[in-house]
Amino acid sequence: MKLGAVLGRHVVAVGVAHLGFALASLLAGVGLLRLLRWSRLLTVLLCWLSVAYALAVGAHLLGLWWLVVGEVMQQEGPLLAQLGGSVLLVLLTLALVVPLVLMVRYLRRADG
């Protein structure tokens, strides 16, 4: 079953999950501003969830890119077009993941 079909059928549940994540992020941010100890743990947990989400979306989009480009080009187009889009998607995924991992490292170091 394709991810798009699953998300299409469960769009309300996905929206509620995003709303819950946003509220948890807001709560963690307020806790960090007030220097509450539990807010670091919540922030680290939210960062790891964001990393998993970014990697899953990046992998899904990369698969879609190869599927669409493969159908459009039918082996006639240059390989550079396929690789260029793939490199761009990997760079965008890394641009989302690397700051989150650095934040987790900083927050874990601040615990000790």
N, C-alpha and C. Protein backbone atom coordinates (compact mmCIF):
# COMPACT_ATOMS: atom_id res chain seq x y z
N MET A 1 0.85 -1.18 0.00
CA MET A 1 0.00 0.00 0.00
C MET A 1 0.90 1.24 0.00
N LYS A 2 0.54 2.21 -0.79
CA LYS A 2 1.36 3.41 -0.92
C LYS A 2 1.11 4.35 0.24
N LEU A 3 2.17 5.07 0.63
CA LEU A 3 2.07 6.01 1.74
C LEU A 3 1.06 7.11 1.46
N GLY A 4 1.01 7.60 0.23
CA GLY A 4 0.07 8.66 -0.12
C GLY A 4 -1.38 8.22 0.08
N ALA A 5 -1.68 6.97 -0.26
CA ALA A 5 -3.04 6.45 -0.09
C ALA A 5 -3.40 6.33 1.38
N VAL A 6 -2.45 5.89 2.18
CA VAL A 6 -2.68 5.77 3.62
C VAL A 6 -2.90 7.14 4.24
N LEU A 7 -2.06 8.10 3.88
CA LEU A 7 -2.22 9.45 4.43
C LEU A 7 -3.51 10.10 3.95
N GLY A 8 -3.92 9.82 2.72
CA GLY A 8 -5.15 10.38 2.20
C GLY A 8 -6.37 9.90 2.97
N ARG A 9 -6.36 8.66 3.38
CA ARG A 9 -7.48 8.12 4.14
C ARG A 9 -7.47 8.57 5.59
N HIS A 10 -6.31 8.91 6.09
CA HIS A 10 -6.18 9.26 7.50
C HIS A 10 -5.72 10.70 7.69
N VAL A 11 -6.20 11.58 6.85
CA VAL A 11 -5.74 12.97 6.88
C VAL A 11 -6.10 13.66 8.20
N VAL A 12 -7.24 13.33 8.78
CA VAL A 12 -7.63 13.95 10.05
C VAL A 12 -6.70 13.48 11.17
N ALA A 13 -6.40 12.19 11.19
CA ALA A 13 -5.50 11.67 12.21
C ALA A 13 -4.11 12.27 12.08
N VAL A 14 -3.64 12.44 10.85
CA VAL A 14 -2.33 13.06 10.63
C VAL A 14 -2.35 14.51 11.09
N GLY A 15 -3.44 15.21 10.80
CA GLY A 15 -3.57 16.60 11.26
C GLY A 15 -3.58 16.71 12.77
N VAL A 16 -4.29 15.81 13.44
CA VAL A 16 -4.32 15.82 14.91
C VAL A 16 -2.94 15.49 15.47
N ALA A 17 -2.22 14.57 14.83
CA ALA A 17 -0.86 14.25 15.27
C ALA A 17 0.07 15.46 15.12
N HIS A 18 -0.06 16.19 14.01
CA HIS A 18 0.76 17.39 13.83
C HIS A 18 0.40 18.46 14.85
N LEU A 19 -0.88 18.61 15.15
CA LEU A 19 -1.31 19.57 16.16
C LEU A 19 -0.76 19.19 17.54
N GLY A 20 -0.82 17.91 17.87
CA GLY A 20 -0.26 17.45 19.15
C GLY A 20 1.24 17.68 19.23
N PHE A 21 1.93 17.43 18.12
CA PHE A 21 3.37 17.66 18.08
C PHE A 21 3.68 19.14 18.26
N ALA A 22 2.88 20.00 17.61
CA ALA A 22 3.09 21.44 17.72
C ALA A 22 2.85 21.92 19.15
N LEU A 23 1.82 21.41 19.80
CA LEU A 23 1.55 21.81 21.18
C LEU A 23 2.65 21.32 22.13
N ALA A 24 3.13 20.10 21.90
CA ALA A 24 4.23 19.58 22.71
C ALA A 24 5.50 20.41 22.50
N SER A 25 5.74 20.84 21.26
CA SER A 25 6.90 21.69 20.98
C SER A 25 6.78 23.04 21.67
N LEU A 26 5.59 23.61 21.65
CA LEU A 26 5.35 24.88 22.33
C LEU A 26 5.56 24.73 23.84
N LEU A 27 5.06 23.64 24.40
CA LEU A 27 5.23 23.38 25.82
C LEU A 27 6.72 23.21 26.17
N ALA A 28 7.45 22.49 25.32
CA ALA A 28 8.89 22.31 25.56
C ALA A 28 9.63 23.63 25.46
N GLY A 29 9.26 24.49 24.51
CA GLY A 29 9.91 25.79 24.37
C GLY A 29 9.68 26.68 25.57
N VAL A 30 8.45 26.70 26.06
CA VAL A 30 8.16 27.50 27.26
C VAL A 30 8.92 26.94 28.45
N GLY A 31 8.98 25.62 28.55
CA GLY A 31 9.74 25.00 29.64
C GLY A 31 11.22 25.32 29.57
N LEU A 32 11.78 25.35 28.35
CA LEU A 32 13.19 25.71 28.21
C LEU A 32 13.43 27.16 28.61
N LEU A 33 12.52 28.05 28.23
CA LEU A 33 12.68 29.46 28.60
C LEU A 33 12.61 29.66 30.11
N ARG A 34 11.82 28.83 30.77
CA ARG A 34 11.70 28.92 32.24
C ARG A 34 12.73 28.05 32.96
N LEU A 35 13.62 27.43 32.20
CA LEU A 35 14.70 26.58 32.73
C LEU A 35 14.17 25.40 33.54
N LEU A 36 13.08 24.82 33.10
CA LEU A 36 12.53 23.65 33.77
C LEU A 36 13.26 22.40 33.29
N ARG A 37 13.58 21.54 34.23
CA ARG A 37 14.42 20.38 33.94
C ARG A 37 13.78 19.41 32.95
N TRP A 38 12.50 19.17 33.05
CA TRP A 38 11.81 18.20 32.19
C TRP A 38 11.75 18.65 30.73
N SER A 39 11.91 19.93 30.50
CA SER A 39 11.77 20.43 29.13
C SER A 39 12.91 19.96 28.23
N ARG A 40 14.08 19.73 28.80
CA ARG A 40 15.19 19.20 27.99
C ARG A 40 14.87 17.81 27.47
N LEU A 41 14.35 16.97 28.34
CA LEU A 41 13.99 15.61 27.93
C LEU A 41 12.91 15.64 26.86
N LEU A 42 11.90 16.48 27.04
CA LEU A 42 10.84 16.59 26.04
C LEU A 42 11.39 17.12 24.72
N THR A 43 12.30 18.07 24.77
CA THR A 43 12.89 18.62 23.56
C THR A 43 13.73 17.57 22.83
N VAL A 44 14.49 16.80 23.55
CA VAL A 44 15.29 15.72 22.94
C VAL A 44 14.38 14.69 22.29
N LEU A 45 13.32 14.31 22.98
CA LEU A 45 12.37 13.36 22.42
C LEU A 45 11.73 13.90 21.14
N LEU A 46 11.32 15.17 21.16
CA LEU A 46 10.72 15.78 19.97
C LEU A 46 11.73 15.89 18.82
N CYS A 47 12.98 16.14 19.16
CA CYS A 47 14.02 16.19 18.11
C CYS A 47 14.19 14.84 17.44
N TRP A 48 14.23 13.77 18.23
CA TRP A 48 14.40 12.44 17.63
C TRP A 48 13.19 12.06 16.80
N LEU A 49 11.99 12.43 17.26
CA LEU A 49 10.80 12.18 16.44
C LEU A 49 10.86 12.96 15.13
N SER A 50 11.37 14.18 15.19
CA SER A 50 11.51 15.01 13.98
C SER A 50 12.54 14.42 13.03
N VAL A 51 13.62 13.89 13.57
CA VAL A 51 14.64 13.24 12.73
C VAL A 51 14.04 12.03 12.01
N ALA A 52 13.31 11.21 12.74
CA ALA A 52 12.69 10.03 12.13
C ALA A 52 11.69 10.45 11.05
N TYR A 53 10.91 11.48 11.33
CA TYR A 53 9.92 11.97 10.36
C TYR A 53 10.62 12.53 9.11
N ALA A 54 11.67 13.32 9.30
CA ALA A 54 12.39 13.90 8.17
C ALA A 54 13.04 12.82 7.31
N LEU A 55 13.61 11.80 7.93
CA LEU A 55 14.22 10.71 7.17
C LEU A 55 13.18 9.91 6.40
N ALA A 56 12.02 9.67 7.02
CA ALA A 56 10.96 8.92 6.34
C ALA A 56 10.42 9.71 5.15
N VAL A 57 10.19 11.00 5.34
CA VAL A 57 9.69 11.82 4.24
C VAL A 57 10.75 11.94 3.13
N GLY A 58 12.00 12.10 3.52
CA GLY A 58 13.08 12.18 2.52
C GLY A 58 13.20 10.91 1.71
N ALA A 59 13.10 9.76 2.37
CA ALA A 59 13.18 8.49 1.65
C ALA A 59 11.97 8.31 0.73
N HIS A 60 10.80 8.72 1.20
CA HIS A 60 9.59 8.61 0.38
C HIS A 60 9.70 9.50 -0.86
N LEU A 61 10.13 10.74 -0.66
CA LEU A 61 10.26 11.66 -1.79
C LEU A 61 11.34 11.21 -2.77
N LEU A 62 12.42 10.63 -2.26
CA LEU A 62 13.46 10.11 -3.14
C LEU A 62 12.94 8.96 -4.01
N GLY A 63 12.16 8.09 -3.38
CA GLY A 63 11.55 7.01 -4.14
C GLY A 63 10.58 7.53 -5.19
N LEU A 64 9.77 8.52 -4.83
CA LEU A 64 8.86 9.12 -5.80
C LEU A 64 9.61 9.80 -6.94
N TRP A 65 10.72 10.46 -6.60
CA TRP A 65 11.52 11.13 -7.63
C TRP A 65 12.02 10.12 -8.66
N TRP A 66 12.57 9.01 -8.17
CA TRP A 66 13.09 8.00 -9.10
C TRP A 66 11.97 7.37 -9.91
N LEU A 67 10.80 7.20 -9.30
CA LEU A 67 9.67 6.63 -10.02
C LEU A 67 9.19 7.57 -11.13
N VAL A 68 9.01 8.84 -10.79
CA VAL A 68 8.50 9.81 -11.77
C VAL A 68 9.53 10.07 -12.87
N VAL A 69 10.76 10.30 -12.49
CA VAL A 69 11.80 10.58 -13.49
C VAL A 69 12.01 9.37 -14.39
N GLY A 70 11.94 8.19 -13.82
CA GLY A 70 12.11 6.98 -14.64
C GLY A 70 11.00 6.82 -15.66
N GLU A 71 9.75 7.17 -15.28
CA GLU A 71 8.64 7.07 -16.22
C GLU A 71 8.72 8.16 -17.29
N VAL A 72 9.10 9.36 -16.89
CA VAL A 72 9.12 10.47 -17.83
C VAL A 72 10.23 10.31 -18.85
N MET A 73 11.39 9.93 -18.39
CA MET A 73 12.54 9.89 -19.29
C MET A 73 12.60 8.62 -20.13
N GLN A 74 12.03 7.53 -19.66
CA GLN A 74 12.02 6.27 -20.40
C GLN A 74 13.40 5.91 -20.94
N GLN A 75 14.40 6.08 -20.13
CA GLN A 75 15.78 5.74 -20.48
C GLN A 75 16.34 6.60 -21.60
N GLU A 76 15.65 7.67 -21.98
CA GLU A 76 16.16 8.54 -23.03
C GLU A 76 16.81 9.79 -22.47
N GLY A 77 16.43 10.18 -21.29
CA GLY A 77 16.96 11.40 -20.69
C GLY A 77 18.32 11.19 -20.08
N PRO A 78 18.99 12.27 -19.80
CA PRO A 78 20.33 12.15 -19.19
C PRO A 78 20.26 11.67 -17.75
N LEU A 79 21.24 10.92 -17.39
CA LEU A 79 21.34 10.42 -16.03
C LEU A 79 21.58 11.57 -15.05
N LEU A 80 22.16 12.66 -15.54
CA LEU A 80 22.44 13.81 -14.69
C LEU A 80 21.16 14.40 -14.10
N ALA A 81 20.06 14.39 -14.85
CA ALA A 81 18.79 14.90 -14.35
C ALA A 81 18.28 14.04 -13.19
N GLN A 82 18.42 12.74 -13.32
CA GLN A 82 18.01 11.84 -12.24
C GLN A 82 18.88 12.05 -11.01
N LEU A 83 20.18 12.11 -11.22
CA LEU A 83 21.09 12.27 -10.10
C LEU A 83 20.99 13.65 -9.46
N GLY A 84 20.75 14.69 -10.26
CA GLY A 84 20.63 16.04 -9.72
C GLY A 84 19.48 16.17 -8.75
N GLY A 85 18.32 15.63 -9.11
CA GLY A 85 17.17 15.66 -8.21
C GLY A 85 17.42 14.83 -6.97
N SER A 86 18.08 13.70 -7.12
CA SER A 86 18.37 12.85 -5.97
C SER A 86 19.32 13.54 -5.01
N VAL A 87 20.35 14.16 -5.54
CA VAL A 87 21.30 14.88 -4.69
C VAL A 87 20.61 16.02 -3.97
N LEU A 88 19.73 16.74 -4.66
CA LEU A 88 19.00 17.84 -4.04
C LEU A 88 18.12 17.34 -2.90
N LEU A 89 17.43 16.23 -3.10
CA LEU A 89 16.59 15.68 -2.03
C LEU A 89 17.41 15.23 -0.83
N VAL A 90 18.55 14.61 -1.09
CA VAL A 90 19.42 14.18 0.02
C VAL A 90 19.94 15.40 0.78
N LEU A 91 20.34 16.45 0.06
CA LEU A 91 20.83 17.66 0.72
C LEU A 91 19.74 18.34 1.55
N LEU A 92 18.52 18.38 1.01
CA LEU A 92 17.41 18.97 1.77
C LEU A 92 17.10 18.16 3.03
N THR A 93 17.14 16.83 2.91
CA THR A 93 16.91 15.99 4.08
C THR A 93 18.00 16.20 5.12
N LEU A 94 19.24 16.29 4.68
CA LEU A 94 20.33 16.55 5.61
C LEU A 94 20.21 17.93 6.25
N ALA A 95 19.73 18.91 5.49
CA ALA A 95 19.54 20.25 6.04
C ALA A 95 18.49 20.25 7.15
N LEU A 96 17.56 19.31 7.11
CA LEU A 96 16.58 19.19 8.19
C LEU A 96 17.12 18.38 9.37
N VAL A 97 17.89 17.34 9.08
CA VAL A 97 18.30 16.39 10.12
C VAL A 97 19.50 16.88 10.91
N VAL A 98 20.50 17.45 10.25
CA VAL A 98 21.75 17.81 10.94
C VAL A 98 21.53 18.81 12.08
N PRO A 99 20.76 19.89 11.90
CA PRO A 99 20.55 20.80 13.03
C PRO A 99 19.84 20.13 14.21
N LEU A 100 18.93 19.20 13.92
CA LEU A 100 18.24 18.50 15.00
C LEU A 100 19.21 17.62 15.79
N VAL A 101 20.07 16.93 15.08
CA VAL A 101 21.05 16.06 15.77
C VAL A 101 22.03 16.91 16.58
N LEU A 102 22.43 18.05 16.04
CA LEU A 102 23.32 18.94 16.80
C LEU A 102 22.63 19.48 18.05
N MET A 103 21.34 19.77 17.95
CA MET A 103 20.61 20.23 19.12
C MET A 103 20.52 19.14 20.19
N VAL A 104 20.30 17.91 19.75
CA VAL A 104 20.26 16.80 20.71
C VAL A 104 21.62 16.65 21.39
N ARG A 105 22.70 16.74 20.61
CA ARG A 105 24.04 16.63 21.21
C ARG A 105 24.27 17.72 22.24
N TYR A 106 23.86 18.94 21.92
CA TYR A 106 24.03 20.06 22.86
C TYR A 106 23.20 19.85 24.12
N LEU A 107 21.95 19.45 23.96
CA LEU A 107 21.09 19.25 25.12
C LEU A 107 21.55 18.08 25.98
N ARG A 108 22.06 17.03 25.36
CA ARG A 108 22.55 15.87 26.14
C ARG A 108 23.82 16.25 26.89
N ARG A 109 24.67 17.07 26.27
CA ARG A 109 25.89 17.51 26.93
C ARG A 109 25.55 18.43 28.11
N ALA A 110 24.51 19.23 27.96
CA ALA A 110 24.11 20.16 29.02
C ALA A 110 23.52 19.44 30.21
N ASP A 111 23.05 18.18 30.02
CA ASP A 111 22.50 17.42 31.13
C ASP A 111 23.57 17.05 32.14
N GLY A 112 24.74 16.68 31.64
CA GLY A 112 25.78 16.17 32.53
C GLY A 112 26.51 17.27 33.15
